[in-house]
Amino acid sequence: MHVYEVIRRPLVTEKSTRLGELGKYVFEVDRRATKAEIKQAVERIFTVHVRKVNVLNVPGKPRRVRQDRGYTAAWRKAIVSLQTGERITLFEGV
């Protein structure tokens, strides 16, 4: 899998902003991506050293429109911890 297929987009929320101050960054990633692939992709794209990767599978939520029932898409979230002193400048000023 190509590095730009692994990382879908950064997640910018109140919680992820607080984690960014601690050197942890949150991304939406491909559901098939492993921790090793996520680590390699972040290191290549942002030229940083990754210390740890935590992954969460977010299940789809049930939704309905009149009689039609369905689910929102399930997705995968990665919390990437960097080595001490390193930063990803993409998130600064947000």
PDB file of N, CA and C in Angstrom:
ATOM      1  N   MET A   1       0.849  -1.175   0.000  1.00  0.00           N
ATOM      2  CA  MET A   1       0.000   0.000   0.000  1.00  0.00           C
ATOM      3  C   MET A   1       0.899   1.243   0.000  1.00  0.00           C
ATOM      4  N   HIS A   2       0.570   2.209  -0.842  1.00  0.00           N
ATOM      5  CA  HIS A   2       1.335   3.449  -0.961  1.00  0.00           C
ATOM      6  C   HIS A   2       1.124   4.303   0.289  1.00  0.00           C
ATOM      7  N   VAL A   3       2.144   5.080   0.674  1.00  0.00           N
ATOM      8  CA  VAL A   3       2.064   5.856   1.923  1.00  0.00           C
ATOM      9  C   VAL A   3       0.902   6.849   1.923  1.00  0.00           C
ATOM     10  N   TYR A   4       0.557   7.393   0.763  1.00  0.00           N
ATOM     11  CA  TYR A   4      -0.548   8.351   0.715  1.00  0.00           C
ATOM     12  C   TYR A   4      -1.906   7.657   0.701  1.00  0.00           C
ATOM     13  N   GLU A   5      -1.938   6.342   0.535  1.00  0.00           N
ATOM     14  CA  GLU A   5      -3.185   5.589   0.670  1.00  0.00           C
ATOM     15  C   GLU A   5      -3.424   5.197   2.126  1.00  0.00           C
ATOM     16  N   VAL A   6      -2.362   5.111   2.901  1.00  0.00           N
ATOM     17  CA  VAL A   6      -2.471   4.717   4.310  1.00  0.00           C
ATOM     18  C   VAL A   6      -3.071   5.855   5.125  1.00  0.00           C
ATOM     19  N   ILE A   7      -2.509   7.049   5.028  1.00  0.00           N
ATOM     20  CA  ILE A   7      -2.982   8.217   5.777  1.00  0.00           C
ATOM     21  C   ILE A   7      -4.062   8.898   4.948  1.00  0.00           C
ATOM     22  N   ARG A   8      -5.296   8.922   5.460  1.00  0.00           N
ATOM     23  CA  ARG A   8      -6.391   9.563   4.730  1.00  0.00           C
ATOM     24  C   ARG A   8      -6.411  11.071   4.973  1.00  0.00           C
ATOM     25  N   ARG A   9      -6.452  11.447   6.264  1.00  0.00           N
ATOM     26  CA  ARG A   9      -6.507  12.871   6.610  1.00  0.00           C
ATOM     27  C   ARG A   9      -6.200  13.035   8.089  1.00  0.00           C
ATOM     28  N   PRO A  10      -5.728  14.205   8.482  1.00  0.00           N
ATOM     29  CA  PRO A  10      -5.559  14.465   9.913  1.00  0.00           C
ATOM     30  C   PRO A  10      -6.914  14.773  10.546  1.00  0.00           C
ATOM     31  N   LEU A  11      -7.084  14.394  11.791  1.00  0.00           N
ATOM     32  CA  LEU A  11      -8.308  14.708  12.520  1.00  0.00           C
ATOM     33  C   LEU A  11      -8.021  15.878  13.450  1.00  0.00           C
ATOM     34  N   VAL A  12      -8.760  16.957  13.277  1.00  0.00           N
ATOM     35  CA  VAL A  12      -8.565  18.149  14.104  1.00  0.00           C
ATOM     36  C   VAL A  12      -9.811  18.327  14.963  1.00  0.00           C
ATOM     37  N   THR A  13      -9.691  17.956  16.224  1.00  0.00           N
ATOM     38  CA  THR A  13     -10.763  18.098  17.200  1.00  0.00           C
ATOM     39  C   THR A  13     -10.160  18.728  18.456  1.00  0.00           C
ATOM     40  N   GLU A  14     -11.000  18.994  19.438  1.00  0.00           N
ATOM     41  CA  GLU A  14     -10.481  19.544  20.695  1.00  0.00           C
ATOM     42  C   GLU A  14      -9.513  18.567  21.345  1.00  0.00           C
ATOM     43  N   LYS A  15      -9.884  17.296  21.352  1.00  0.00           N
ATOM     44  CA  LYS A  15      -9.034  16.287  21.981  1.00  0.00           C
ATOM     45  C   LYS A  15      -7.719  16.120  21.227  1.00  0.00           C
ATOM     46  N   SER A  16      -7.780  16.090  19.891  1.00  0.00           N
ATOM     47  CA  SER A  16      -6.543  15.907  19.121  1.00  0.00           C
ATOM     48  C   SER A  16      -5.633  17.129  19.243  1.00  0.00           C
ATOM     49  N   THR A  17      -6.204  18.305  19.427  1.00  0.00           N
ATOM     50  CA  THR A  17      -5.398  19.508  19.625  1.00  0.00           C
ATOM     51  C   THR A  17      -4.650  19.432  20.956  1.00  0.00           C
ATOM     52  N   ARG A  18      -5.336  18.949  22.010  1.00  0.00           N
ATOM     53  CA  ARG A  18      -4.670  18.770  23.304  1.00  0.00           C
ATOM     54  C   ARG A  18      -3.577  17.711  23.218  1.00  0.00           C
ATOM     55  N   LEU A  19      -3.839  16.631  22.481  1.00  0.00           N
ATOM     56  CA  LEU A  19      -2.830  15.581  22.317  1.00  0.00           C
ATOM     57  C   LEU A  19      -1.627  16.092  21.534  1.00  0.00           C
ATOM     58  N   GLY A  20      -1.865  17.016  20.586  1.00  0.00           N
ATOM     59  CA  GLY A  20      -0.776  17.581  19.798  1.00  0.00           C
ATOM     60  C   GLY A  20       0.240  18.311  20.653  1.00  0.00           C
ATOM     61  N   GLU A  21      -0.224  18.911  21.732  1.00  0.00           N
ATOM     62  CA  GLU A  21       0.687  19.593  22.651  1.00  0.00           C
ATOM     63  C   GLU A  21       1.588  18.599  23.386  1.00  0.00           C
ATOM     64  N   LEU A  22       1.162  17.332  23.444  1.00  0.00           N
ATOM     65  CA  LEU A  22       1.943  16.278  24.105  1.00  0.00           C
ATOM     66  C   LEU A  22       2.779  15.474  23.114  1.00  0.00           C
ATOM     67  N   GLY A  23       2.784  15.897  21.854  1.00  0.00           N
ATOM     68  CA  GLY A  23       3.570  15.183  20.848  1.00  0.00           C
ATOM     69  C   GLY A  23       2.847  14.001  20.240  1.00  0.00           C
ATOM     70  N   LYS A  24       1.498  13.988  20.332  1.00  0.00           N
ATOM     71  CA  LYS A  24       0.695  12.914  19.747  1.00  0.00           C
ATOM     72  C   LYS A  24      -0.221  13.527  18.692  1.00  0.00           C
ATOM     73  N   TYR A  25      -0.309  12.866  17.534  1.00  0.00           N
ATOM     74  CA  TYR A  25      -1.104  13.382  16.425  1.00  0.00           C
ATOM     75  C   TYR A  25      -2.093  12.322  15.972  1.00  0.00           C
ATOM     76  N   VAL A  26      -3.290  12.760  15.568  1.00  0.00           N
ATOM     77  CA  VAL A  26      -4.381  11.841  15.254  1.00  0.00           C
ATOM     78  C   VAL A  26      -4.697  11.918  13.765  1.00  0.00           C
ATOM     79  N   PHE A  27      -4.818  10.740  13.132  1.00  0.00           N
ATOM     80  CA  PHE A  27      -5.103  10.641  11.706  1.00  0.00           C
ATOM     81  C   PHE A  27      -6.215   9.631  11.459  1.00  0.00           C
ATOM     82  N   GLU A  28      -6.985   9.872  10.409  1.00  0.00           N
ATOM     83  CA  GLU A  28      -7.863   8.829   9.886  1.00  0.00           C
ATOM     84  C   GLU A  28      -7.025   8.041   8.896  1.00  0.00           C
ATOM     85  N   VAL A  29      -7.022   6.718   9.034  1.00  0.00           N
ATOM     86  CA  VAL A  29      -6.185   5.870   8.190  1.00  0.00           C
ATOM     87  C   VAL A  29      -7.044   4.818   7.496  1.00  0.00           C
ATOM     88  N   ASP A  30      -6.457   4.159   6.499  1.00  0.00           N
ATOM     89  CA  ASP A  30      -7.130   3.079   5.785  1.00  0.00           C
ATOM     90  C   ASP A  30      -7.446   1.945   6.756  1.00  0.00           C
ATOM     91  N   ARG A  31      -8.612   1.322   6.598  1.00  0.00           N
ATOM     92  CA  ARG A  31      -9.029   0.268   7.530  1.00  0.00           C
ATOM     93  C   ARG A  31      -8.131  -0.959   7.477  1.00  0.00           C
ATOM     94  N   ARG A  32      -7.422  -1.156   6.365  1.00  0.00           N
ATOM     95  CA  ARG A  32      -6.552  -2.332   6.218  1.00  0.00           C
ATOM     96  C   ARG A  32      -5.128  -2.064   6.691  1.00  0.00           C
ATOM     97  N   ALA A  33      -4.809  -0.824   7.050  1.00  0.00           N
ATOM     98  CA  ALA A  33      -3.435  -0.451   7.411  1.00  0.00           C
ATOM     99  C   ALA A  33      -3.042  -1.036   8.769  1.00  0.00           C
ATOM    100  N   THR A  34      -1.804  -1.512   8.847  1.00  0.00           N
ATOM    101  CA  THR A  34      -1.265  -2.027  10.105  1.00  0.00           C
ATOM    102  C   THR A  34      -0.498  -0.918  10.821  1.00  0.00           C
ATOM    103  N   LYS A  35      -0.140  -1.173  12.079  1.00  0.00           N
ATOM    104  CA  LYS A  35       0.632  -0.188  12.839  1.00  0.00           C
ATOM    105  C   LYS A  35       1.971   0.089  12.164  1.00  0.00           C
ATOM    106  N   ALA A  36       2.604  -0.948  11.645  1.00  0.00           N
ATOM    107  CA  ALA A  36       3.904  -0.775  10.983  1.00  0.00           C
ATOM    108  C   ALA A  36       3.771   0.082   9.728  1.00  0.00           C
ATOM    109  N   GLU A  37       2.714  -0.127   8.944  1.00  0.00           N
ATOM    110  CA  GLU A  37       2.501   0.679   7.739  1.00  0.00           C
ATOM    111  C   GLU A  37       2.205   2.128   8.095  1.00  0.00           C
ATOM    112  N   ILE A  38       1.433   2.346   9.153  1.00  0.00           N
ATOM    113  CA  ILE A  38       1.111   3.708   9.585  1.00  0.00           C
ATOM    114  C   ILE A  38       2.380   4.417  10.039  1.00  0.00           C
ATOM    115  N   LYS A  39       3.206   3.735  10.817  1.00  0.00           N
ATOM    116  CA  LYS A  39       4.470   4.314  11.284  1.00  0.00           C
ATOM    117  C   LYS A  39       5.352   4.698  10.108  1.00  0.00           C
ATOM    118  N   GLN A  40       5.499   3.806   9.147  1.00  0.00           N
ATOM    119  CA  GLN A  40       6.342   4.067   7.979  1.00  0.00           C
ATOM    120  C   GLN A  40       5.796   5.241   7.162  1.00  0.00           C
ATOM    121  N   ALA A  41       4.471   5.308   6.991  1.00  0.00           N
ATOM    122  CA  ALA A  41       3.863   6.381   6.206  1.00  0.00           C
ATOM    123  C   ALA A  41       4.079   7.741   6.865  1.00  0.00           C
ATOM    124  N   VAL A  42       3.873   7.835   8.183  1.00  0.00           N
ATOM    125  CA  VAL A  42       4.047   9.113   8.890  1.00  0.00           C
ATOM    126  C   VAL A  42       5.509   9.547   8.836  1.00  0.00           C
ATOM    127  N   GLU A  43       6.430   8.604   9.021  1.00  0.00           N
ATOM    128  CA  GLU A  43       7.854   8.952   8.975  1.00  0.00           C
ATOM    129  C   GLU A  43       8.270   9.438   7.593  1.00  0.00           C
ATOM    130  N   ARG A  44       7.734   8.847   6.543  1.00  0.00           N
ATOM    131  CA  ARG A  44       8.091   9.275   5.184  1.00  0.00           C
ATOM    132  C   ARG A  44       7.452  10.602   4.807  1.00  0.00           C
ATOM    133  N   ILE A  45       6.177  10.769   5.112  1.00  0.00           N
ATOM    134  CA  ILE A  45       5.457  11.979   4.693  1.00  0.00           C
ATOM    135  C   ILE A  45       5.943  13.211   5.455  1.00  0.00           C
ATOM    136  N   PHE A  46       6.115  13.094   6.775  1.00  0.00           N
ATOM    137  CA  PHE A  46       6.418  14.256   7.607  1.00  0.00           C
ATOM    138  C   PHE A  46       7.883  14.329   8.056  1.00  0.00           C
ATOM    139  N   THR A  47       8.709  13.372   7.662  1.00  0.00           N
ATOM    140  CA  THR A  47      10.130  13.288   8.045  1.00  0.00           C
ATOM    141  C   THR A  47      10.335  13.494   9.554  1.00  0.00           C
ATOM    142  N   VAL A  48       9.700  12.626  10.336  1.00  0.00           N
ATOM    143  CA  VAL A  48       9.830  12.615  11.788  1.00  0.00           C
ATOM    144  C   VAL A  48      10.114  11.178  12.231  1.00  0.00           C
ATOM    145  N   HIS A  49      10.423  11.003  13.516  1.00  0.00           N
ATOM    146  CA  HIS A  49      10.644   9.670  14.072  1.00  0.00           C
ATOM    147  C   HIS A  49       9.464   9.309  14.974  1.00  0.00           C
ATOM    148  N   VAL A  50       8.779   8.217  14.642  1.00  0.00           N
ATOM    149  CA  VAL A  50       7.604   7.788  15.394  1.00  0.00           C
ATOM    150  C   VAL A  50       8.043   6.878  16.534  1.00  0.00           C
ATOM    151  N   ARG A  51       7.540   7.159  17.730  1.00  0.00           N
ATOM    152  CA  ARG A  51       7.852   6.340  18.904  1.00  0.00           C
ATOM    153  C   ARG A  51       6.831   5.225  19.074  1.00  0.00           C
ATOM    154  N   LYS A  52       5.527   5.541  18.870  1.00  0.00           N
ATOM    155  CA  LYS A  52       4.474   4.567  19.129  1.00  0.00           C
ATOM    156  C   LYS A  52       3.250   4.890  18.278  1.00  0.00           C
ATOM    157  N   VAL A  53       2.489   3.847  17.917  1.00  0.00           N
ATOM    158  CA  VAL A  53       1.243   4.017  17.172  1.00  0.00           C
ATOM    159  C   VAL A  53       0.142   3.258  17.899  1.00  0.00           C
ATOM    160  N   ASN A  54      -0.948   3.942  18.232  1.00  0.00           N
ATOM    161  CA  ASN A  54      -2.143   3.304  18.789  1.00  0.00           C
ATOM    162  C   ASN A  54      -3.239   3.389  17.736  1.00  0.00           C
ATOM    163  N   VAL A  55      -4.026   2.317  17.606  1.00  0.00           N
ATOM    164  CA  VAL A  55      -5.041   2.252  16.557  1.00  0.00           C
ATOM    165  C   VAL A  55      -6.400   1.939  17.175  1.00  0.00           C
ATOM    166  N   LEU A  56      -7.441   2.630  16.687  1.00  0.00           N
ATOM    167  CA  LEU A  56      -8.808   2.373  17.119  1.00  0.00           C
ATOM    168  C   LEU A  56      -9.665   2.111  15.892  1.00  0.00           C
ATOM    169  N   ASN A  57     -10.508   1.083  15.956  1.00  0.00           N
ATOM    170  CA  ASN A  57     -11.489   0.844  14.908  1.00  0.00           C
ATOM    171  C   ASN A  57     -12.796   1.484  15.355  1.00  0.00           C
ATOM    172  N   VAL A  58     -13.275   2.470  14.595  1.00  0.00           N
ATOM    173  CA  VAL A  58     -14.500   3.181  14.940  1.00  0.00           C
ATOM    174  C   VAL A  58     -15.638   2.545  14.152  1.00  0.00           C
ATOM    175  N   PRO A  59     -16.610   1.913  14.824  1.00  0.00           N
ATOM    176  CA  PRO A  59     -17.691   1.240  14.102  1.00  0.00           C
ATOM    177  C   PRO A  59     -18.671   2.242  13.498  1.00  0.00           C
ATOM    178  N   GLY A  60     -19.385   1.811  12.456  1.00  0.00           N
ATOM    179  CA  GLY A  60     -20.414   2.649  11.855  1.00  0.00           C
ATOM    180  C   GLY A  60     -21.602   2.780  12.799  1.00  0.00           C
ATOM    181  N   LYS A  61     -22.258   3.922  12.762  1.00  0.00           N
ATOM    182  CA  LYS A  61     -23.412   4.156  13.624  1.00  0.00           C
ATOM    183  C   LYS A  61     -24.696   3.904  12.839  1.00  0.00           C
ATOM    184  N   PRO A  62     -25.716   3.359  13.487  1.00  0.00           N
ATOM    185  CA  PRO A  62     -26.978   3.144  12.772  1.00  0.00           C
ATOM    186  C   PRO A  62     -27.666   4.477  12.472  1.00  0.00           C
ATOM    187  N   ARG A  63     -28.151   4.608  11.258  1.00  0.00           N
ATOM    188  CA  ARG A  63     -28.868   5.807  10.819  1.00  0.00           C
ATOM    189  C   ARG A  63     -30.077   5.370   9.999  1.00  0.00           C
ATOM    190  N   ARG A  64     -31.056   6.260   9.883  1.00  0.00           N
ATOM    191  CA  ARG A  64     -32.185   5.938   9.014  1.00  0.00           C
ATOM    192  C   ARG A  64     -32.743   7.204   8.396  1.00  0.00           C
ATOM    193  N   VAL A  65     -33.306   7.029   7.212  1.00  0.00           N
ATOM    194  CA  VAL A  65     -34.033   8.079   6.523  1.00  0.00           C
ATOM    195  C   VAL A  65     -35.392   7.482   6.196  1.00  0.00           C
ATOM    196  N   ARG A  66     -36.403   7.924   6.898  1.00  0.00           N
ATOM    197  CA  ARG A  66     -37.747   7.349   6.830  1.00  0.00           C
ATOM    198  C   ARG A  66     -37.693   5.851   7.113  1.00  0.00           C
ATOM    199  N   GLN A  67     -38.057   5.017   6.129  1.00  0.00           N
ATOM    200  CA  GLN A  67     -38.052   3.576   6.393  1.00  0.00           C
ATOM    201  C   GLN A  67     -36.694   2.936   6.124  1.00  0.00           C
ATOM    202  N   ASP A  68     -35.836   3.593   5.383  1.00  0.00           N
ATOM    203  CA  ASP A  68     -34.551   3.010   5.021  1.00  0.00           C
ATOM    204  C   ASP A  68     -33.591   3.080   6.203  1.00  0.00           C
ATOM    205  N   ARG A  69     -33.069   1.915   6.561  1.00  0.00           N
ATOM    206  CA  ARG A  69     -32.100   1.847   7.652  1.00  0.00           C
ATOM    207  C   ARG A  69     -30.741   1.490   7.086  1.00  0.00           C
ATOM    208  N   GLY A  70     -29.719   2.034   7.705  1.00  0.00           N
ATOM    209  CA  GLY A  70     -28.370   1.734   7.253  1.00  0.00           C
ATOM    210  C   GLY A  70     -27.375   2.131   8.322  1.00  0.00           C
ATOM    211  N   TYR A  71     -26.113   2.137   7.950  1.00  0.00           N
ATOM    212  CA  TYR A  71     -25.047   2.491   8.864  1.00  0.00           C
ATOM    213  C   TYR A  71     -24.121   3.493   8.197  1.00  0.00           C
ATOM    214  N   THR A  72     -23.533   4.378   9.009  1.00  0.00           N
ATOM    215  CA  THR A  72     -22.458   5.213   8.491  1.00  0.00           C
ATOM    216  C   THR A  72     -21.244   4.312   8.297  1.00  0.00           C
ATOM    217  N   ALA A  73     -20.295   4.761   7.535  1.00  0.00           N
ATOM    218  CA  ALA A  73     -19.124   3.940   7.239  1.00  0.00           C
ATOM    219  C   ALA A  73     -18.256   3.771   8.484  1.00  0.00           C
ATOM    220  N   ALA A  74     -17.768   2.555   8.696  1.00  0.00           N
ATOM    221  CA  ALA A  74     -16.797   2.312   9.761  1.00  0.00           C
ATOM    222  C   ALA A  74     -15.449   2.842   9.289  1.00  0.00           C
ATOM    223  N   TRP A  75     -14.607   3.282  10.224  1.00  0.00           N
ATOM    224  CA  TRP A  75     -13.303   3.821   9.854  1.00  0.00           C
ATOM    225  C   TRP A  75     -12.288   3.522  10.941  1.00  0.00           C
ATOM    226  N   ARG A  76     -11.046   3.872  10.694  1.00  0.00           N
ATOM    227  CA  ARG A  76      -9.951   3.551  11.601  1.00  0.00           C
ATOM    228  C   ARG A  76      -9.197   4.823  11.961  1.00  0.00           C
ATOM    229  N   LYS A  77      -8.893   4.965  13.242  1.00  0.00           N
ATOM    230  CA  LYS A  77      -8.196   6.143  13.750  1.00  0.00           C
ATOM    231  C   LYS A  77      -6.837   5.713  14.285  1.00  0.00           C
ATOM    232  N   ALA A  78      -5.810   6.509  14.016  1.00  0.00           N
ATOM    233  CA  ALA A  78      -4.472   6.221  14.530  1.00  0.00           C
ATOM    234  C   ALA A  78      -3.978   7.408  15.343  1.00  0.00           C
ATOM    235  N   ILE A  79      -3.474   7.124  16.545  1.00  0.00           N
ATOM    236  CA  ILE A  79      -2.842   8.138  17.380  1.00  0.00           C
ATOM    237  C   ILE A  79      -1.347   7.851  17.340  1.00  0.00           C
ATOM    238  N   VAL A  80      -0.594   8.787  16.766  1.00  0.00           N
ATOM    239  CA  VAL A  80       0.835   8.593  16.523  1.00  0.00           C
ATOM    240  C   VAL A  80       1.629   9.436  17.513  1.00  0.00           C
ATOM    241  N   SER A  81       2.483   8.785  18.304  1.00  0.00           N
ATOM    242  CA  SER A  81       3.353   9.479  19.260  1.00  0.00           C
ATOM    243  C   SER A  81       4.725   9.652  18.631  1.00  0.00           C
ATOM    244  N   LEU A  82       5.253  10.876  18.695  1.00  0.00           N
ATOM    245  CA  LEU A  82       6.565  11.162  18.118  1.00  0.00           C
ATOM    246  C   LEU A  82       7.646  11.141  19.193  1.00  0.00           C
ATOM    247  N   GLN A  83       8.896  11.068  18.747  1.00  0.00           N
ATOM    248  CA  GLN A  83      10.032  11.141  19.663  1.00  0.00           C
ATOM    249  C   GLN A  83      10.022  12.507  20.352  1.00  0.00           C
ATOM    250  N   THR A  84      10.584  12.585  21.514  1.00  0.00           N
ATOM    251  CA  THR A  84      10.613  13.824  22.289  1.00  0.00           C
ATOM    252  C   THR A  84      11.274  14.946  21.492  1.00  0.00           C
ATOM    253  N   GLY A  85      10.608  16.103  21.443  1.00  0.00           N
ATOM    254  CA  GLY A  85      11.171  17.269  20.769  1.00  0.00           C
ATOM    255  C   GLY A  85      10.782  17.403  19.309  1.00  0.00           C
ATOM    256  N   GLU A  86      10.127  16.412  18.725  1.00  0.00           N
ATOM    257  CA  GLU A  86       9.733  16.503  17.315  1.00  0.00           C
ATOM    258  C   GLU A  86       8.284  16.959  17.205  1.00  0.00           C
ATOM    259  N   ARG A  87       7.996  17.669  16.106  1.00  0.00           N
ATOM    260  CA  ARG A  87       6.654  18.200  15.881  1.00  0.00           C
ATOM    261  C   ARG A  87       6.281  18.054  14.417  1.00  0.00           C
ATOM    262  N   ILE A  88       4.985  18.015  14.151  1.00  0.00           N
ATOM    263  CA  ILE A  88       4.468  18.079  12.790  1.00  0.00           C
ATOM    264  C   ILE A  88       3.871  19.470  12.640  1.00  0.00           C
ATOM    265  N   THR A  89       4.447  20.283  11.777  1.00  0.00           N
ATOM    266  CA  THR A  89       4.039  21.688  11.672  1.00  0.00           C
ATOM    267  C   THR A  89       2.685  21.854  11.001  1.00  0.00           C
ATOM    268  N   LEU A  90       2.180  20.823  10.362  1.00  0.00           N
ATOM    269  CA  LEU A  90       0.876  20.876   9.708  1.00  0.00           C
ATOM    270  C   LEU A  90      -0.226  21.258  10.688  1.00  0.00           C
ATOM    271  N   PHE A  91      -0.107  20.833  11.949  1.00  0.00           N
ATOM    272  CA  PHE A  91      -1.153  21.036  12.939  1.00  0.00           C
ATOM    273  C   PHE A  91      -1.048  22.361  13.680  1.00  0.00           C
ATOM    274  N   GLU A  92       0.058  23.064  13.564  1.00  0.00           N
ATOM    275  CA  GLU A  92       0.236  24.289  14.335  1.00  0.00           C
ATOM    276  C   GLU A  92      -0.623  25.412  13.774  1.00  0.00           C
ATOM    277  N   GLY A  93      -1.219  26.192  14.659  1.00  0.00           N
ATOM    278  CA  GLY A  93      -2.045  27.314  14.254  1.00  0.00           C
ATOM    279  C   GLY A  93      -3.479  26.941  13.949  1.00  0.00           C
ATOM    280  N   VAL A  94      -3.856  25.703  14.230  1.00  0.00           N
ATOM    281  CA  VAL A  94      -5.233  25.266  13.957  1.00  0.00           C
ATOM    282  C   VAL A  94      -6.040  25.383  15.216  1.00  0.00           C
TER     283      VAL A  94
END
